[in-house]
Protein backbone atom coordinates (compact mmCIF):
# COMPACT_ATOMS: atom_id res chain seq x y z
CA MET A 1 12.19 84.08 117.10
CA PRO A 2 12.48 87.09 119.13
CA TYR A 3 14.05 86.76 122.61
CA THR A 4 12.06 86.78 125.67
CA PHE A 5 13.42 86.80 129.00
CA SER A 6 12.59 83.33 130.03
CA ASP A 7 14.27 81.84 126.87
CA ASN A 8 17.63 81.90 128.31
CA PHE A 9 16.78 81.82 131.88
CA GLN A 10 17.98 78.35 132.93
CA GLN A 11 19.78 77.39 129.66
CA HIS A 12 22.74 76.01 131.86
CA ALA A 13 23.01 73.95 135.17
CA HIS A 14 24.94 76.91 136.75
CA SER A 15 21.64 78.83 136.46
CA ASN A 16 20.40 76.58 139.19
CA THR A 17 23.41 77.44 141.43
CA ALA A 18 23.64 81.14 140.66
CA GLN A 19 21.84 83.48 143.27
CA LEU A 20 21.04 86.23 140.66
CA SER A 21 20.48 85.95 136.86
CA LEU A 22 20.24 89.33 135.00
CA PRO A 23 20.09 90.26 131.33
CA ALA A 24 22.69 92.42 129.53
CA PRO A 25 20.62 93.94 126.76
CA ALA A 26 21.55 95.26 123.36
CA LYS A 27 21.40 98.81 122.30
CA LEU A 28 21.13 100.72 119.01
CA ASN A 29 22.64 104.03 118.18
CA LEU A 30 19.69 105.64 116.15
CA MET A 31 22.05 108.31 115.27
CA LEU A 32 25.68 109.06 116.04
CA HIS A 33 27.40 112.37 115.28
CA ILE A 34 31.09 112.95 115.78
CA VAL A 35 31.09 116.71 116.91
CA GLY A 36 34.76 116.99 117.85
CA ARG A 37 37.76 115.45 119.72
CA ARG A 38 39.21 116.06 123.08
CA THR A 39 43.03 116.48 123.68
CA ASP A 40 43.16 112.93 125.25
CA GLY A 41 41.90 111.55 122.01
CA TYR A 42 38.49 110.76 123.04
CA HIS A 43 35.81 111.70 120.51
CA LEU A 44 32.98 113.93 121.39
CA LEU A 45 29.58 112.58 120.29
CA GLU A 46 25.96 113.13 120.02
CA THR A 47 23.98 109.99 119.99
CA LEU A 48 20.56 108.61 120.52
CA PHE A 49 20.40 105.19 122.54
CA GLN A 50 17.54 102.87 122.70
CA PHE A 51 17.79 99.34 124.17
CA LEU A 52 16.56 96.02 122.46
CA ASP A 53 14.84 93.30 124.26
CA TYR A 54 17.46 90.96 123.37
CA ALA A 55 20.32 90.29 125.67
CA ASP A 56 23.27 88.14 126.88
CA MET A 57 22.38 86.58 130.27
CA LEU A 58 24.86 86.80 133.23
CA HIS A 59 24.49 84.66 136.40
CA PHE A 60 26.16 85.66 139.64
CA SER A 61 26.93 83.82 142.85
CA ALA A 62 28.78 85.52 145.89
CA ARG A 63 32.07 84.28 147.21
CA THR A 64 33.52 84.83 150.47
CA ASP A 65 37.08 84.74 149.51
CA GLY A 66 37.16 87.94 147.42
CA GLN A 67 38.05 86.01 144.11
CA ILE A 68 36.28 87.03 140.91
CA ILE A 69 35.99 83.99 138.51
CA LEU A 70 34.32 84.33 135.12
CA HIS A 71 33.66 80.66 134.17
CA THR A 72 32.87 81.30 130.68
CA PRO A 73 35.56 83.01 128.82
CA ILE A 74 35.22 84.83 125.56
CA THR A 75 37.76 83.72 122.89
CA GLY A 76 40.46 86.07 122.39
CA VAL A 77 39.98 87.86 125.68
CA ALA A 78 42.31 87.26 128.61
CA HIS A 79 40.27 86.59 131.75
CA ASP A 80 41.58 89.85 133.52
CA ASP A 81 40.98 91.95 130.52
CA ASN A 82 37.15 90.94 130.17
CA LEU A 83 35.15 94.03 131.00
CA ILE A 84 32.98 91.58 133.32
CA VAL A 85 36.03 90.92 135.40
CA ARG A 86 37.16 94.43 135.49
CA ALA A 87 33.92 95.73 136.35
CA ALA A 88 33.71 93.45 139.28
CA ARG A 89 37.01 94.42 140.51
CA LEU A 90 36.31 98.05 140.19
CA LEU A 91 33.14 97.67 142.40
CA GLN A 92 35.13 95.85 144.86
CA ALA A 93 37.77 98.44 145.05
CA GLN A 94 35.26 101.37 145.18
CA SER A 95 32.99 99.65 147.77
CA LYS A 96 35.76 98.14 149.73
CA SER A 97 33.71 94.89 149.57
CA SER A 98 35.52 91.82 150.82
CA GLN A 99 33.15 89.63 148.71
CA GLY A 100 34.03 87.90 145.25
CA ALA A 101 31.77 86.28 142.67
CA ASP A 102 31.44 83.31 140.41
CA ILE A 103 30.13 84.63 137.10
CA TRP A 104 28.67 82.79 134.12
CA LEU A 105 27.86 84.25 130.70
CA ASP A 106 25.29 83.03 128.11
CA LYS A 107 26.72 84.98 125.14
CA LYS A 108 24.17 86.04 122.59
CA LEU A 109 25.18 89.49 121.42
CA PRO A 110 27.80 89.46 118.67
CA VAL A 111 31.17 90.77 119.50
CA GLY A 112 32.21 93.85 117.75
CA GLY A 113 28.59 94.23 116.29
CA GLY A 114 28.11 97.87 117.62
CA ILE A 115 25.21 96.76 119.75
CA GLY A 116 26.97 97.20 123.14
CA GLY A 117 27.60 93.68 124.17
CA GLY A 118 30.95 94.19 126.26
CA SER A 119 29.82 97.48 127.73
CA SER A 120 26.29 96.15 128.63
CA ASN A 121 28.02 93.16 130.34
CA ALA A 122 30.15 95.55 132.39
CA ALA A 123 27.03 97.50 133.46
CA THR A 124 24.91 94.36 134.36
CA THR A 125 28.02 93.09 136.43
CA LEU A 126 28.34 96.64 138.18
CA VAL A 127 24.56 96.65 138.84
CA GLY A 128 24.15 93.03 139.72
CA LEU A 129 27.04 92.67 142.06
CA ASN A 130 25.93 96.02 143.85
CA HIS A 131 22.68 94.38 144.41
CA LEU A 132 24.07 90.82 145.40
CA TRP A 133 26.90 92.15 147.74
CA ARG A 134 24.50 94.79 149.06
CA THR A 135 27.03 97.57 148.45
CA GLN A 136 24.12 99.96 147.86
CA LEU A 137 25.95 102.45 145.72
CA PRO A 138 23.60 104.80 143.83
CA LEU A 139 23.14 104.21 140.26
CA GLU A 140 24.79 107.54 139.27
CA THR A 141 27.81 106.43 141.18
CA LEU A 142 27.86 103.03 139.28
CA ALA A 143 27.59 105.00 135.88
CA GLN A 144 30.37 107.32 136.83
CA MET A 145 32.59 104.22 137.69
CA GLY A 146 31.30 102.61 134.45
CA LEU A 147 32.89 105.43 132.47
CA ASN A 148 36.39 104.06 133.43
CA LEU A 149 35.37 100.87 131.58
CA GLY A 150 33.79 102.34 128.49
CA ALA A 151 31.96 105.41 126.93
CA ASP A 152 28.66 103.29 126.72
CA VAL A 153 28.67 101.68 130.09
CA PRO A 154 26.81 104.65 131.75
CA VAL A 155 23.74 104.45 129.63
CA PHE A 156 23.53 100.76 130.37
CA VAL A 157 23.80 101.26 134.03
CA MET A 158 21.14 104.08 134.07
CA GLY A 159 18.92 101.88 131.93
CA ARG A 160 16.87 104.69 130.12
CA ALA A 161 16.90 105.44 126.24
CA ALA A 162 18.75 108.67 126.07
CA PHE A 163 20.26 111.40 124.12
CA ALA A 164 23.96 111.40 125.09
CA GLN A 165 26.59 114.03 124.53
CA GLY A 166 30.29 114.41 125.75
CA VAL A 167 31.85 111.05 125.29
CA GLY A 168 28.65 109.48 125.74
CA GLU A 169 28.28 110.07 129.44
CA LYS A 170 26.05 113.21 129.55
CA LEU A 171 22.55 111.55 129.33
CA GLN A 172 19.33 113.04 128.80
CA PRO A 173 16.50 110.40 129.08
CA VAL A 174 14.03 110.46 126.16
CA ASP A 175 10.68 108.75 125.39
CA LEU A 176 10.97 107.27 121.82
CA PRO A 177 8.68 105.16 119.79
CA GLU A 178 9.28 101.38 120.49
CA PRO A 179 9.09 99.79 117.12
CA TRP A 180 10.16 96.28 116.07
CA TYR A 181 13.81 96.15 114.75
CA LEU A 182 15.33 93.69 112.38
CA VAL A 183 18.99 93.77 113.21
CA ALA A 184 21.42 91.96 110.67
CA VAL A 185 24.55 90.73 111.63
CA PRO A 186 27.47 90.67 108.75
CA ALA A 187 29.87 88.08 109.67
CA VAL A 188 32.71 90.46 110.65
CA SER A 189 33.86 92.08 113.98
CA ILE A 190 34.61 95.60 114.06
CA SER A 191 36.91 97.45 116.62
CA THR A 192 35.75 100.83 117.72
CA ALA A 193 39.23 101.79 117.99
CA LYS A 194 39.96 101.08 114.41
CA ILE A 195 37.04 103.14 113.23
CA PHE A 196 37.74 106.00 115.48
CA SER A 197 41.40 106.19 114.03
CA GLU A 198 40.65 106.33 110.48
CA PRO A 199 41.86 109.56 109.14
CA SER A 200 38.90 109.80 106.75
CA LEU A 201 36.10 109.84 109.66
CA THR A 202 34.59 113.21 109.84
CA ARG A 203 34.90 114.75 113.45
CA ASP A 204 33.33 118.05 112.83
CA THR A 205 29.36 117.50 112.51
CA PRO A 206 27.83 120.73 113.86
CA LEU A 207 26.15 120.44 117.30
CA THR A 208 22.42 119.89 117.43
CA ASN A 209 20.14 119.51 120.34
CA ILE A 210 17.61 116.87 121.73
CA ARG A 211 14.62 118.78 120.24
CA THR A 212 16.14 118.86 116.75
CA VAL A 213 17.10 115.23 116.96
CA LEU A 214 13.79 113.96 117.97
CA LYS A 215 12.17 115.84 115.18
CA GLN A 216 14.45 115.28 112.24
CA GLY A 217 16.52 112.24 113.21
CA GLY A 218 20.35 112.24 112.23
CA HIS A 219 22.90 110.02 110.69
CA ASN A 220 25.79 108.03 111.64
CA ASP A 221 29.15 109.54 110.92
CA CYS A 222 30.98 106.32 111.24
CA GLN A 223 28.72 104.32 108.50
CA ALA A 224 30.76 105.76 105.54
CA VAL A 225 34.26 104.64 107.03
CA VAL A 226 32.67 101.25 108.00
CA GLU A 227 31.32 100.67 104.43
CA ARG A 228 34.61 101.66 102.84
CA CYS A 229 36.63 99.26 105.23
CA TYR A 230 34.28 96.35 105.32
CA PRO A 231 32.67 95.21 102.08
CA GLU A 232 30.61 92.87 104.10
CA VAL A 233 28.87 95.71 105.96
CA ARG A 234 28.35 97.52 102.58
CA ASN A 235 26.84 94.48 100.83
CA ALA A 236 24.49 93.89 103.94
CA LEU A 237 23.33 97.59 103.78
CA ILE A 238 22.72 97.37 100.05
CA LEU A 239 20.46 94.16 100.73
CA LEU A 240 18.54 95.38 103.69
CA ASN A 241 17.92 98.67 101.88
CA ASN A 242 15.77 96.89 99.31
CA PHE A 243 13.17 96.32 102.06
CA VAL A 244 13.64 99.02 104.60
CA GLU A 245 15.76 102.13 105.30
CA ALA A 246 18.87 100.30 106.63
CA ARG A 247 21.53 102.04 108.87
CA LEU A 248 24.61 101.13 110.94
CA THR A 249 24.63 101.19 114.76
CA GLY A 250 27.62 102.43 116.51
CA THR A 251 30.98 101.52 115.25
CA GLY A 252 30.22 97.93 114.89
CA SER A 253 28.95 95.68 112.03
CA CYS A 254 25.19 95.27 112.72
CA ILE A 255 22.78 97.07 110.67
CA PHE A 256 19.12 97.65 111.41
CA GLY A 257 15.85 98.79 110.11
CA SER A 258 12.63 99.52 111.96
CA PHE A 259 9.14 98.14 111.38
CA PRO A 260 5.60 98.82 112.98
CA SER A 261 4.95 95.10 113.73
CA GLU A 262 7.04 91.96 114.74
CA GLN A 263 5.39 90.03 111.75
CA GLN A 264 6.84 92.54 109.11
CA ALA A 265 10.13 92.30 110.73
CA VAL A 266 10.18 88.68 110.74
CA ASN A 267 8.95 88.24 107.18
CA ILE A 268 11.84 90.31 105.79
CA ALA A 269 14.39 88.58 108.22
CA SER A 270 13.15 85.25 106.55
CA GLN A 271 13.73 86.80 103.01
CA ILE A 272 17.35 87.74 103.79
CA SER A 273 18.25 84.81 105.95
CA GLU A 274 20.16 82.77 103.43
CA SER A 275 22.73 85.56 102.93
CA LEU A 276 22.70 87.62 106.16
CA PRO A 277 21.91 86.18 109.48
CA SER A 278 19.66 88.54 111.59
CA PHE A 279 17.40 88.74 114.75
CA VAL A 280 14.24 90.60 115.36
CA ALA A 281 13.62 92.50 118.77
CA ARG A 282 11.40 95.04 120.24
CA GLY A 283 12.81 98.58 120.88
CA ALA A 284 12.81 99.45 124.85
CA ASN A 285 12.88 102.74 126.44
CA ILE A 286 13.54 101.00 129.79
CA SER A 287 16.16 98.27 129.63
CA MET A 288 15.48 94.65 130.23
CA LEU A 289 18.01 95.00 133.32
CA HIS A 290 16.03 97.59 134.80
CA ARG A 291 12.71 96.02 134.32
CA GLU A 292 13.97 92.76 136.06
CA LEU A 293 15.50 94.66 139.01
CA GLN A 294 12.03 96.28 139.32
CA LYS A 295 10.64 92.77 139.57
CA LEU A 296 13.38 91.69 142.10
CA SER A 297 12.64 94.85 144.33
CA GLU A 298 8.87 94.24 144.16
CA ASN A 299 9.29 90.68 145.28
CA LYS A 300 11.46 91.38 148.28
């Protein structure tokens, strides 16, 4: 069933000890054009971000000893390399806070899926600890800091669907339709660095603008490369295309199609479930994280 905020809220005992629990939502890239490359190797993009009402959950408790402890490690990622830990330490350094944090993660978003799991975790950590530690840095500052952690972090910090340019940090908020999405999850994790370093990736799509994209849509320049390198994704696209126009999100493995109603998306999900795991979620122009923060500020 589609995710609702309360499903995960007290999934573990730590939720009872945590002082703050916040979602780290998924995103989709509705289009992704690679328009150039900087001298430092970063790719210049144009992309349309929209959030999903489907999320990891992060639980935070403040510590007085300055230590940052993530109690739920991710397989294959060293504690100090985890974007959650790096985000917390970055906020400590920038705000000169002497506080630390105990952090727990309920992981729901697939790793290497192109739906922003790691970046979203980092953004929720910056925003959540800024709130918990009362460091009171403005969102724009947090977004700027987030860029040091990953190109997708700023959009999650700002929490608004957006047309993004540059390496993903120049954001113009947009109001998009909020359909239901079926997101299929092929059994493969894809590294962004691998796709961006593929010689066959086209890096010269002509520049466009927000008006044209909203009217005509766009494509994902990474899709052809991913299909060639990962037959699992190619086969998933072939399968989902039988029911709806299927597209790749970001540089990851997840593919998606949009539907006017939840029921239609659920019906197709059940038809492909034997060969292709998937989830159904509503598109959102304001992220779950920011809707939850709004509630917190209203309940003060």
